[in-house]
Amino acid sequence: FTDYSMEGRTYRYMREEPLYPFGFGLSYATFSYRG
């Protein structure tokens, strides 16, 4: 906790798989991305 280096922290530097990733959230709708 007292280490202020960003190495290993947040989605930007964390290499391990998270439980839920940054930016994530489901919907009742479904979407597709293309092009």
Full PDB file with SEQRES, HELIX, SHEET, SSBOND, CRYST1, ORIGX, SCALE, CONECT and MASTER records, all heavy atoms in Angstrom:
SEQRES   1 A   35  PHE THR ASP TYR SER MET GLU GLY ARG THR TYR ARG TYR          
SEQRES   2 A   35  MET ARG GLU GLU PRO LEU TYR PRO PHE GLY PHE GLY LEU          
SEQRES   3 A   35  SER TYR ALA THR PHE SER TYR ARG GLY                          
HELIX    1 AA1 THR A   10  TYR A   13  1                                   4    
CRYST1    1.000    1.000    1.000  90.00  90.00  90.00 P 1           1          
ORIGX1      1.000000  0.000000  0.000000        0.00000                         
ORIGX2      0.000000  1.000000  0.000000        0.00000                         
ORIGX3      0.000000  0.000000  1.000000        0.00000                         
SCALE1      1.000000  0.000000  0.000000        0.00000                         
SCALE2      0.000000  1.000000  0.000000        0.00000                         
SCALE3      0.000000  0.000000  1.000000        0.00000                         
ATOM      1  N   PHE A   1       0.822  -1.213   0.000  1.00  0.00           N  
ATOM      2  CA  PHE A   1       0.000   0.000   0.000  1.00  0.00           C  
ATOM      3  C   PHE A   1       0.855   1.262   0.000  1.00  0.00           C  
ATOM      4  O   PHE A   1       0.508   2.282  -0.605  1.00  0.00           O  
ATOM      5  CB  PHE A   1      -0.907  -0.037   1.237  1.00  0.00           C  
ATOM      6  CG  PHE A   1      -2.068   0.920   1.214  1.00  0.00           C  
ATOM      7  CD1 PHE A   1      -2.326   1.782   0.150  1.00  0.00           C  
ATOM      8  CD2 PHE A   1      -2.932   0.958   2.301  1.00  0.00           C  
ATOM      9  CE1 PHE A   1      -3.404   2.649   0.157  1.00  0.00           C  
ATOM     10  CE2 PHE A   1      -4.020   1.825   2.319  1.00  0.00           C  
ATOM     11  CZ  PHE A   1      -4.245   2.673   1.250  1.00  0.00           C  
ATOM     12  N   THR A   2       1.998   1.233   0.696  1.00  0.00           N  
ATOM     13  CA  THR A   2       2.836   2.432   0.814  1.00  0.00           C  
ATOM     14  C   THR A   2       3.756   2.648  -0.381  1.00  0.00           C  
ATOM     15  O   THR A   2       4.481   3.640  -0.429  1.00  0.00           O  
ATOM     16  CB  THR A   2       3.689   2.349   2.085  1.00  0.00           C  
ATOM     17  OG1 THR A   2       4.409   1.111   2.083  1.00  0.00           O  
ATOM     18  CG2 THR A   2       2.812   2.426   3.331  1.00  0.00           C  
ATOM     19  N   ASP A   3       3.731   1.749  -1.344  1.00  0.00           N  
ATOM     20  CA  ASP A   3       4.569   1.870  -2.541  1.00  0.00           C  
ATOM     21  C   ASP A   3       3.819   2.692  -3.589  1.00  0.00           C  
ATOM     22  O   ASP A   3       2.796   2.260  -4.114  1.00  0.00           O  
ATOM     23  CB  ASP A   3       4.891   0.476  -3.076  1.00  0.00           C  
ATOM     24  CG  ASP A   3       5.792   0.510  -4.295  1.00  0.00           C  
ATOM     25  OD1 ASP A   3       6.159   1.612  -4.752  1.00  0.00           O  
ATOM     26  OD2 ASP A   3       6.118  -0.571  -4.818  1.00  0.00           O  
ATOM     27  N   TYR A   4       4.353   3.896  -3.898  1.00  0.00           N  
ATOM     28  CA  TYR A   4       3.674   4.784  -4.844  1.00  0.00           C  
ATOM     29  C   TYR A   4       4.085   4.558  -6.294  1.00  0.00           C  
ATOM     30  O   TYR A   4       3.641   5.276  -7.187  1.00  0.00           O  
ATOM     31  CB  TYR A   4       3.878   6.250  -4.442  1.00  0.00           C  
ATOM     32  CG  TYR A   4       2.779   6.761  -3.531  1.00  0.00           C  
ATOM     33  CD1 TYR A   4       2.717   6.387  -2.203  1.00  0.00           C  
ATOM     34  CD2 TYR A   4       1.785   7.587  -4.019  1.00  0.00           C  
ATOM     35  CE1 TYR A   4       1.699   6.833  -1.374  1.00  0.00           C  
ATOM     36  CE2 TYR A   4       0.762   8.052  -3.200  1.00  0.00           C  
ATOM     37  CZ  TYR A   4       0.731   7.664  -1.880  1.00  0.00           C  
ATOM     38  OH  TYR A   4      -0.293   8.108  -1.067  1.00  0.00           O  
ATOM     39  N   SER A   5       4.946   3.588  -6.540  1.00  0.00           N  
ATOM     40  CA  SER A   5       5.236   3.224  -7.925  1.00  0.00           C  
ATOM     41  C   SER A   5       3.981   2.661  -8.567  1.00  0.00           C  
ATOM     42  O   SER A   5       3.204   1.941  -7.937  1.00  0.00           O  
ATOM     43  CB  SER A   5       6.352   2.191  -7.974  1.00  0.00           C  
ATOM     44  OG  SER A   5       6.451   1.627  -9.267  1.00  0.00           O  
ATOM     45  N   MET A   6       3.778   2.949  -9.837  1.00  0.00           N  
ATOM     46  CA  MET A   6       2.607   2.438 -10.536  1.00  0.00           C  
ATOM     47  C   MET A   6       2.827   1.037 -11.092  1.00  0.00           C  
ATOM     48  O   MET A   6       1.898   0.430 -11.614  1.00  0.00           O  
ATOM     49  CB  MET A   6       2.210   3.388 -11.669  1.00  0.00           C  
ATOM     50  CG  MET A   6       1.675   4.729 -11.182  1.00  0.00           C  
ATOM     51  SD  MET A   6       0.314   4.569  -9.990  1.00  0.00           S  
ATOM     52  CE  MET A   6      -0.922   3.750 -10.981  1.00  0.00           C  
ATOM     53  N   GLU A   7       4.030   0.517 -10.985  1.00  0.00           N  
ATOM     54  CA  GLU A   7       4.294  -0.828 -11.489  1.00  0.00           C  
ATOM     55  C   GLU A   7       3.392  -1.833 -10.786  1.00  0.00           C  
ATOM     56  O   GLU A   7       3.317  -1.902  -9.559  1.00  0.00           O  
ATOM     57  CB  GLU A   7       5.760  -1.196 -11.256  1.00  0.00           C  
ATOM     58  CG  GLU A   7       6.190  -2.450 -11.988  1.00  0.00           C  
ATOM     59  CD  GLU A   7       6.078  -2.326 -13.496  1.00  0.00           C  
ATOM     60  OE1 GLU A   7       6.356  -1.234 -14.044  1.00  0.00           O  
ATOM     61  OE2 GLU A   7       5.692  -3.326 -14.136  1.00  0.00           O  
ATOM     62  N   GLY A   8       2.657  -2.617 -11.575  1.00  0.00           N  
ATOM     63  CA  GLY A   8       1.745  -3.611 -11.033  1.00  0.00           C  
ATOM     64  C   GLY A   8       0.400  -3.061 -10.600  1.00  0.00           C  
ATOM     65  O   GLY A   8      -0.442  -3.817 -10.107  1.00  0.00           O  
ATOM     66  N   ARG A   9       0.180  -1.756 -10.789  1.00  0.00           N  
ATOM     67  CA  ARG A   9      -1.062  -1.129 -10.330  1.00  0.00           C  
ATOM     68  C   ARG A   9      -1.956  -0.739 -11.502  1.00  0.00           C  
ATOM     69  O   ARG A   9      -1.475  -0.338 -12.554  1.00  0.00           O  
ATOM     70  CB  ARG A   9      -0.761   0.141  -9.529  1.00  0.00           C  
ATOM     71  CG  ARG A   9      -0.056  -0.103  -8.221  1.00  0.00           C  
ATOM     72  CD  ARG A   9      -0.073   1.165  -7.374  1.00  0.00           C  
ATOM     73  NE  ARG A   9       0.636   0.950  -6.122  1.00  0.00           N  
ATOM     74  CZ  ARG A   9       0.107   0.360  -5.064  1.00  0.00           C  
ATOM     75  NH1 ARG A   9      -1.137  -0.091  -5.112  1.00  0.00           N  
ATOM     76  NH2 ARG A   9       0.812   0.204  -3.955  1.00  0.00           N  
ATOM     77  N   THR A  10      -3.233  -0.773 -11.270  1.00  0.00           N  
ATOM     78  CA  THR A  10      -4.293  -0.351 -12.191  1.00  0.00           C  
ATOM     79  C   THR A  10      -4.195  -1.132 -13.501  1.00  0.00           C  
ATOM     80  O   THR A  10      -3.234  -1.863 -13.746  1.00  0.00           O  
ATOM     81  CB  THR A  10      -4.272   1.170 -12.461  1.00  0.00           C  
ATOM     82  OG1 THR A  10      -3.230   1.523 -13.381  1.00  0.00           O  
ATOM     83  CG2 THR A  10      -4.110   1.951 -11.163  1.00  0.00           C  
ATOM     84  N   TYR A  11      -5.188  -0.971 -14.339  1.00  0.00           N  
ATOM     85  CA  TYR A  11      -5.196  -1.714 -15.595  1.00  0.00           C  
ATOM     86  C   TYR A  11      -4.008  -1.355 -16.472  1.00  0.00           C  
ATOM     87  O   TYR A  11      -3.608  -2.122 -17.360  1.00  0.00           O  
ATOM     88  CB  TYR A  11      -6.499  -1.442 -16.359  1.00  0.00           C  
ATOM     89  CG  TYR A  11      -6.508  -0.123 -17.088  1.00  0.00           C  
ATOM     90  CD1 TYR A  11      -6.151  -0.035 -18.434  1.00  0.00           C  
ATOM     91  CD2 TYR A  11      -6.850   1.061 -16.440  1.00  0.00           C  
ATOM     92  CE1 TYR A  11      -6.152   1.180 -19.108  1.00  0.00           C  
ATOM     93  CE2 TYR A  11      -6.850   2.272 -17.098  1.00  0.00           C  
ATOM     94  CZ  TYR A  11      -6.497   2.330 -18.434  1.00  0.00           C  
ATOM     95  OH  TYR A  11      -6.491   3.534 -19.088  1.00  0.00           O  
ATOM     96  N   ARG A  12      -3.393  -0.219 -16.199  1.00  0.00           N  
ATOM     97  CA  ARG A  12      -2.315   0.245 -17.067  1.00  0.00           C  
ATOM     98  C   ARG A  12      -1.016  -0.521 -16.854  1.00  0.00           C  
ATOM     99  O   ARG A  12      -0.200  -0.627 -17.773  1.00  0.00           O  
ATOM    100  CB  ARG A  12      -2.097   1.743 -16.851  1.00  0.00           C  
ATOM    101  CG  ARG A  12      -3.372   2.547 -17.113  1.00  0.00           C  
ATOM    102  CD  ARG A  12      -3.213   3.988 -16.706  1.00  0.00           C  
ATOM    103  NE  ARG A  12      -2.582   4.746 -17.763  1.00  0.00           N  
ATOM    104  CZ  ARG A  12      -1.802   5.805 -17.552  1.00  0.00           C  
ATOM    105  NH1 ARG A  12      -1.539   6.190 -16.335  1.00  0.00           N  
ATOM    106  NH2 ARG A  12      -1.304   6.462 -18.563  1.00  0.00           N  
ATOM    107  N   TYR A  13      -0.822  -1.042 -15.656  1.00  0.00           N  
ATOM    108  CA  TYR A  13       0.428  -1.753 -15.367  1.00  0.00           C  
ATOM    109  C   TYR A  13       0.229  -3.098 -14.671  1.00  0.00           C  
ATOM    110  O   TYR A  13       1.200  -3.768 -14.359  1.00  0.00           O  
ATOM    111  CB  TYR A  13       1.347  -0.872 -14.513  1.00  0.00           C  
ATOM    112  CG  TYR A  13       1.995   0.248 -15.311  1.00  0.00           C  
ATOM    113  CD1 TYR A  13       1.559   1.559 -15.187  1.00  0.00           C  
ATOM    114  CD2 TYR A  13       3.039  -0.029 -16.194  1.00  0.00           C  
ATOM    115  CE1 TYR A  13       2.154   2.581 -15.923  1.00  0.00           C  
ATOM    116  CE2 TYR A  13       3.633   0.978 -16.933  1.00  0.00           C  
ATOM    117  CZ  TYR A  13       3.188   2.285 -16.792  1.00  0.00           C  
ATOM    118  OH  TYR A  13       3.767   3.281 -17.528  1.00  0.00           O  
ATOM    119  N   MET A  14      -0.990  -3.500 -14.432  1.00  0.00           N  
ATOM    120  CA  MET A  14      -1.262  -4.776 -13.767  1.00  0.00           C  
ATOM    121  C   MET A  14      -1.284  -5.901 -14.804  1.00  0.00           C  
ATOM    122  O   MET A  14      -2.063  -5.869 -15.756  1.00  0.00           O  
ATOM    123  CB  MET A  14      -2.610  -4.696 -13.039  1.00  0.00           C  
ATOM    124  CG  MET A  14      -3.011  -5.965 -12.329  1.00  0.00           C  
ATOM    125  SD  MET A  14      -4.610  -5.720 -11.482  1.00  0.00           S  
ATOM    126  CE  MET A  14      -4.931  -7.378 -10.914  1.00  0.00           C  
ATOM    127  N   ARG A  15      -0.430  -6.901 -14.607  1.00  0.00           N  
ATOM    128  CA  ARG A  15      -0.323  -7.996 -15.574  1.00  0.00           C  
ATOM    129  C   ARG A  15      -1.171  -9.205 -15.202  1.00  0.00           C  
ATOM    130  O   ARG A  15      -1.477 -10.038 -16.055  1.00  0.00           O  
ATOM    131  CB  ARG A  15       1.143  -8.417 -15.730  1.00  0.00           C  
ATOM    132  CG  ARG A  15       1.993  -7.295 -16.321  1.00  0.00           C  
ATOM    133  CD  ARG A  15       3.422  -7.711 -16.561  1.00  0.00           C  
ATOM    134  NE  ARG A  15       4.199  -6.601 -17.097  1.00  0.00           N  
ATOM    135  CZ  ARG A  15       4.244  -6.253 -18.380  1.00  0.00           C  
ATOM    136  NH1 ARG A  15       3.551  -6.955 -19.266  1.00  0.00           N  
ATOM    137  NH2 ARG A  15       4.964  -5.221 -18.784  1.00  0.00           N  
ATOM    138  N   GLU A  16      -1.557  -9.316 -13.930  1.00  0.00           N  
ATOM    139  CA  GLU A  16      -2.392 -10.439 -13.511  1.00  0.00           C  
ATOM    140  C   GLU A  16      -3.839 -10.203 -13.923  1.00  0.00           C  
ATOM    141  O   GLU A  16      -4.281  -9.068 -14.044  1.00  0.00           O  
ATOM    142  CB  GLU A  16      -2.303 -10.620 -11.999  1.00  0.00           C  
ATOM    143  CG  GLU A  16      -0.905 -10.953 -11.504  1.00  0.00           C  
ATOM    144  CD  GLU A  16      -0.866 -11.068 -10.003  1.00  0.00           C  
ATOM    145  OE1 GLU A  16      -1.378 -12.072  -9.472  1.00  0.00           O  
ATOM    146  OE2 GLU A  16      -0.342 -10.149  -9.348  1.00  0.00           O  
ATOM    147  N   GLU A  17      -4.572 -11.282 -14.128  1.00  0.00           N  
ATOM    148  CA  GLU A  17      -5.966 -11.169 -14.539  1.00  0.00           C  
ATOM    149  C   GLU A  17      -6.821 -10.698 -13.369  1.00  0.00           C  
ATOM    150  O   GLU A  17      -6.799 -11.294 -12.292  1.00  0.00           O  
ATOM    151  CB  GLU A  17      -6.483 -12.510 -15.042  1.00  0.00           C  
ATOM    152  CG  GLU A  17      -7.904 -12.443 -15.586  1.00  0.00           C  
ATOM    153  CD  GLU A  17      -8.391 -13.776 -16.103  1.00  0.00           C  
ATOM    154  OE1 GLU A  17      -8.715 -14.641 -15.265  1.00  0.00           O  
ATOM    155  OE2 GLU A  17      -8.439 -13.957 -17.330  1.00  0.00           O  
ATOM    156  N   PRO A  18      -7.606  -9.636 -13.547  1.00  0.00           N  
ATOM    157  CA  PRO A  18      -8.427  -9.129 -12.453  1.00  0.00           C  
ATOM    158  C   PRO A  18      -9.721  -9.926 -12.304  1.00  0.00           C  
ATOM    159  O   PRO A  18     -10.053 -10.757 -13.153  1.00  0.00           O  
ATOM    160  CB  PRO A  18      -8.736  -7.696 -12.898  1.00  0.00           C  
ATOM    161  CG  PRO A  18      -8.806  -7.802 -14.394  1.00  0.00           C  
ATOM    162  CD  PRO A  18      -7.745  -8.815 -14.767  1.00  0.00           C  
ATOM    163  N   LEU A  19     -10.427  -9.644 -11.224  1.00  0.00           N  
ATOM    164  CA  LEU A  19     -11.773 -10.205 -11.072  1.00  0.00           C  
ATOM    165  C   LEU A  19     -12.713  -9.516 -12.055  1.00  0.00           C  
ATOM    166  O   LEU A  19     -13.438 -10.180 -12.804  1.00  0.00           O  
ATOM    167  CB  LEU A  19     -12.253 -10.017  -9.637  1.00  0.00           C  
ATOM    168  CG  LEU A  19     -13.617 -10.611  -9.289  1.00  0.00           C  
ATOM    169  CD1 LEU A  19     -13.608 -12.126  -9.464  1.00  0.00           C  
ATOM    170  CD2 LEU A  19     -14.018 -10.232  -7.863  1.00  0.00           C  
ATOM    171  N   TYR A  20     -12.691  -8.176 -12.057  1.00  0.00           N  
ATOM    172  CA  TYR A  20     -13.458  -7.378 -13.022  1.00  0.00           C  
ATOM    173  C   TYR A  20     -12.542  -6.280 -13.545  1.00  0.00           C  
ATOM    174  O   TYR A  20     -11.930  -5.547 -12.763  1.00  0.00           O  
ATOM    175  CB  TYR A  20     -14.691  -6.748 -12.371  1.00  0.00           C  
ATOM    176  CG  TYR A  20     -15.644  -7.730 -11.751  1.00  0.00           C  
ATOM    177  CD1 TYR A  20     -15.825  -7.764 -10.372  1.00  0.00           C  
ATOM    178  CD2 TYR A  20     -16.364  -8.632 -12.530  1.00  0.00           C  
ATOM    179  CE1 TYR A  20     -16.701  -8.673  -9.788  1.00  0.00           C  
ATOM    180  CE2 TYR A  20     -17.234  -9.546 -11.958  1.00  0.00           C  
ATOM    181  CZ  TYR A  20     -17.395  -9.564 -10.582  1.00  0.00           C  
ATOM    182  OH  TYR A  20     -18.253 -10.468 -10.007  1.00  0.00           O  
ATOM    183  N   PRO A  21     -12.447  -6.115 -14.855  1.00  0.00           N  
ATOM    184  CA  PRO A  21     -11.491  -5.158 -15.409  1.00  0.00           C  
ATOM    185  C   PRO A  21     -12.016  -3.726 -15.441  1.00  0.00           C  
ATOM    186  O   PRO A  21     -13.226  -3.485 -15.409  1.00  0.00           O  
ATOM    187  CB  PRO A  21     -11.277  -5.680 -16.836  1.00  0.00           C  
ATOM    188  CG  PRO A  21     -12.571  -6.352 -17.179  1.00  0.00           C  
ATOM    189  CD  PRO A  21     -13.078  -6.947 -15.892  1.00  0.00           C  
ATOM    190  N   PHE A  22     -11.093  -2.790 -15.506  1.00  0.00           N  
ATOM    191  CA  PHE A  22     -11.427  -1.381 -15.664  1.00  0.00           C  
ATOM    192  C   PHE A  22     -12.307  -1.189 -16.902  1.00  0.00           C  
ATOM    193  O   PHE A  22     -12.084  -1.782 -17.948  1.00  0.00           O  
ATOM    194  CB  PHE A  22     -10.143  -0.558 -15.824  1.00  0.00           C  
ATOM    195  CG  PHE A  22     -10.371   0.898 -16.098  1.00  0.00           C  
ATOM    196  CD1 PHE A  22     -10.525   1.799 -15.065  1.00  0.00           C  
ATOM    197  CD2 PHE A  22     -10.437   1.367 -17.404  1.00  0.00           C  
ATOM    198  CE1 PHE A  22     -10.749   3.146 -15.317  1.00  0.00           C  
ATOM    199  CE2 PHE A  22     -10.658   2.713 -17.668  1.00  0.00           C  
ATOM    200  CZ  PHE A  22     -10.820   3.599 -16.620  1.00  0.00           C  
ATOM    201  N   GLY A  23     -13.322  -0.347 -16.768  1.00  0.00           N  
ATOM    202  CA  GLY A  23     -14.201  -0.037 -17.889  1.00  0.00           C  
ATOM    203  C   GLY A  23     -15.317  -1.036 -18.109  1.00  0.00           C  
ATOM    204  O   GLY A  23     -16.170  -0.844 -18.986  1.00  0.00           O  
ATOM    205  N   PHE A  24     -15.363  -2.105 -17.313  1.00  0.00           N  
ATOM    206  CA  PHE A  24     -16.314  -3.199 -17.538  1.00  0.00           C  
ATOM    207  C   PHE A  24     -17.687  -2.889 -16.951  1.00  0.00           C  
ATOM    208  O   PHE A  24     -17.819  -2.248 -15.914  1.00  0.00           O  
ATOM    209  CB  PHE A  24     -15.779  -4.485 -16.911  1.00  0.00           C  
ATOM    210  CG  PHE A  24     -16.754  -5.629 -16.910  1.00  0.00           C  
ATOM    211  CD1 PHE A  24     -17.103  -6.268 -18.082  1.00  0.00           C  
ATOM    212  CD2 PHE A  24     -17.339  -6.054 -15.719  1.00  0.00           C  
ATOM    213  CE1 PHE A  24     -18.001  -7.325 -18.083  1.00  0.00           C  
ATOM    214  CE2 PHE A  24     -18.230  -7.111 -15.702  1.00  0.00           C  
ATOM    215  CZ  PHE A  24     -18.572  -7.749 -16.889  1.00  0.00           C  
ATOM    216  N   GLY A  25     -18.708  -3.407 -17.615  1.00  0.00           N  
ATOM    217  CA  GLY A  25     -20.076  -3.358 -17.143  1.00  0.00           C  
ATOM    218  C   GLY A  25     -20.977  -3.989 -18.186  1.00  0.00           C  
ATOM    219  O   GLY A  25     -20.835  -3.729 -19.394  1.00  0.00           O  
ATOM    220  N   LEU A  26     -21.884  -4.838 -17.743  1.00  0.00           N  
ATOM    221  CA  LEU A  26     -22.799  -5.519 -18.651  1.00  0.00           C  
ATOM    222  C   LEU A  26     -24.060  -4.696 -18.890  1.00  0.00           C  
ATOM    223  O   LEU A  26     -24.319  -3.709 -18.209  1.00  0.00           O  
ATOM    224  CB  LEU A  26     -23.173  -6.888 -18.082  1.00  0.00           C  
ATOM    225  CG  LEU A  26     -22.031  -7.882 -17.889  1.00  0.00           C  
ATOM    226  CD1 LEU A  26     -22.531  -9.130 -17.172  1.00  0.00           C  
ATOM    227  CD2 LEU A  26     -21.389  -8.241 -19.222  1.00  0.00           C  
ATOM    228  N   SER A  27     -24.853  -5.140 -19.852  1.00  0.00           N  
ATOM    229  CA  SER A  27     -26.094  -4.478 -20.233  1.00  0.00           C  
ATOM    230  C   SER A  27     -27.172  -5.536 -20.408  1.00  0.00           C  
ATOM    231  O   SER A  27     -26.883  -6.730 -20.546  1.00  0.00           O  
ATOM    232  CB  SER A  27     -25.897  -3.701 -21.543  1.00  0.00           C  
ATOM    233  OG  SER A  27     -27.116  -3.175 -22.031  1.00  0.00           O  
ATOM    234  N   TYR A  28     -28.428  -5.126 -20.420  1.00  0.00           N  
ATOM    235  CA  TYR A  28     -29.506  -6.037 -20.806  1.00  0.00           C  
ATOM    236  C   TYR A  28     -29.565  -6.195 -22.321  1.00  0.00           C  
ATOM    237  O   TYR A  28     -30.112  -7.169 -22.840  1.00  0.00           O  
ATOM    238  CB  TYR A  28     -30.848  -5.536 -20.295  1.00  0.00           C  
ATOM    239  CG  TYR A  28     -30.972  -5.486 -18.793  1.00  0.00           C  
ATOM    240  CD1 TYR A  28     -31.823  -4.579 -18.170  1.00  0.00           C  
ATOM    241  CD2 TYR A  28     -30.251  -6.361 -17.984  1.00  0.00           C  
ATOM    242  CE1 TYR A  28     -31.949  -4.528 -16.796  1.00  0.00           C  
ATOM    243  CE2 TYR A  28     -30.361  -6.324 -16.609  1.00  0.00           C  
ATOM    244  CZ  TYR A  28     -31.214  -5.398 -16.012  1.00  0.00           C  
ATOM    245  OH  TYR A  28     -31.332  -5.364 -14.652  1.00  0.00           O  
ATOM    246  N   ALA A  29     -29.009  -5.218 -23.024  1.00  0.00           N  
ATOM    247  CA  ALA A  29     -28.932  -5.282 -24.484  1.00  0.00           C  
ATOM    248  C   ALA A  29     -27.652  -6.001 -24.893  1.00  0.00           C  
ATOM    249  O   ALA A  29     -26.764  -6.259 -24.075  1.00  0.00           O  
ATOM    250  CB  ALA A  29     -28.973  -3.880 -25.076  1.00  0.00           C  
ATOM    251  N   THR A  30     -27.530  -6.317 -26.165  1.00  0.00           N  
ATOM    252  CA  THR A  30     -26.295  -6.863 -26.722  1.00  0.00           C  
ATOM    253  C   THR A  30     -25.803  -5.921 -27.809  1.00  0.00           C  
ATOM    254  O   THR A  30     -26.595  -5.288 -28.515  1.00  0.00           O  
ATOM    255  CB  THR A  30     -26.497  -8.269 -27.298  1.00  0.00           C  
ATOM    256  OG1 THR A  30     -27.544  -8.215 -28.293  1.00  0.00           O  
ATOM    257  CG2 THR A  30     -26.877  -9.254 -26.206  1.00  0.00           C  
ATOM    258  N   PHE A  31     -24.477  -5.847 -27.962  1.00  0.00           N  
ATOM    259  CA  PHE A  31     -23.871  -4.908 -28.904  1.00  0.00           C  
ATOM    260  C   PHE A  31     -22.799  -5.612 -29.715  1.00  0.00           C  
ATOM    261  O   PHE A  31     -22.227  -6.617 -29.299  1.00  0.00           O  
ATOM    262  CB  PHE A  31     -23.232  -3.735 -28.159  1.00  0.00           C  
ATOM    263  CG  PHE A  31     -24.194  -2.936 -27.318  1.00  0.00           C  
ATOM    264  CD1 PHE A  31     -24.347  -3.217 -25.968  1.00  0.00           C  
ATOM    265  CD2 PHE A  31     -24.953  -1.926 -27.875  1.00  0.00           C  
ATOM    266  CE1 PHE A  31     -25.234  -2.501 -25.186  1.00  0.00           C  
ATOM    267  CE2 PHE A  31     -25.848  -1.193 -27.104  1.00  0.00           C  
ATOM    268  CZ  PHE A  31     -25.989  -1.491 -25.755  1.00  0.00           C  
ATOM    269  N   SER A  32     -22.522  -5.060 -30.878  1.00  0.00           N  
ATOM    270  CA  SER A  32     -21.391  -5.541 -31.676  1.00  0.00           C  
ATOM    271  C   SER A  32     -20.594  -4.340 -32.169  1.00  0.00           C  
ATOM    272  O   SER A  32     -21.145  -3.256 -32.411  1.00  0.00           O  
ATOM    273  CB  SER A  32     -21.866  -6.379 -32.865  1.00  0.00           C  
ATOM    274  OG  SER A  32     -22.523  -5.567 -33.824  1.00  0.00           O  
ATOM    275  N   TYR A  33     -19.292  -4.552 -32.288  1.00  0.00           N  
ATOM    276  CA  TYR A  33     -18.358  -3.537 -32.785  1.00  0.00           C  
ATOM    277  C   TYR A  33     -17.773  -4.036 -34.087  1.00  0.00           C  
ATOM    278  O   TYR A  33     -17.432  -5.222 -34.214  1.00  0.00           O  
ATOM    279  CB  TYR A  33     -17.226  -3.318 -31.781  1.00  0.00           C  
ATOM    280  CG  TYR A  33     -17.622  -2.627 -30.492  1.00  0.00           C  
ATOM    281  CD1 TYR A  33     -18.353  -3.296 -29.514  1.00  0.00           C  
ATOM    282  CD2 TYR A  33     -17.247  -1.314 -30.249  1.00  0.00           C  
ATOM    283  CE1 TYR A  33     -18.707  -2.682 -28.329  1.00  0.00           C  
ATOM    284  CE2 TYR A  33     -17.589  -0.679 -29.059  1.00  0.00           C  
ATOM    285  CZ  TYR A  33     -18.316  -1.369 -28.103  1.00  0.00           C  
ATOM    286  OH  TYR A  33     -18.662  -0.744 -26.930  1.00  0.00           O  
ATOM    287  N   ARG A  34     -17.615  -3.128 -35.046  1.00  0.00           N  
ATOM    288  CA  ARG A  34     -17.014  -3.546 -36.312  1.00  0.00           C  
ATOM    289  C   ARG A  34     -16.415  -2.342 -37.034  1.00  0.00           C  
ATOM    290  O   ARG A  34     -16.732  -1.180 -36.743  1.00  0.00           O  
ATOM    291  CB  ARG A  34     -18.049  -4.219 -37.216  1.00  0.00           C  
ATOM    292  CG  ARG A  34     -19.195  -3.326 -37.648  1.00  0.00           C  
ATOM    293  CD  ARG A  34     -20.082  -4.024 -38.687  1.00  0.00           C  
ATOM    294  NE  ARG A  34     -20.801  -5.138 -38.094  1.00  0.00           N  
ATOM    295  CZ  ARG A  34     -22.023  -5.024 -37.555  1.00  0.00           C  
ATOM    296  NH1 ARG A  34     -22.646  -3.843 -37.541  1.00  0.00           N  
ATOM    297  NH2 ARG A  34     -22.630  -6.063 -37.046  1.00  0.00           N  
ATOM    298  N   GLY A  35     -15.515  -2.663 -37.961  1.00  0.00           N  
ATOM    299  CA  GLY A  35     -15.040  -1.692 -38.931  1.00  0.00           C  
ATOM    300  C   GLY A  35     -14.197  -0.559 -38.399  1.00  0.00           C  
ATOM    301  O   GLY A  35     -14.353   0.586 -38.836  1.00  0.00           O  
TER     302      GLY A  35                                                      
MASTER        0    0    0    1    0    0    0    6  301    1    0    3          
END                                                                             
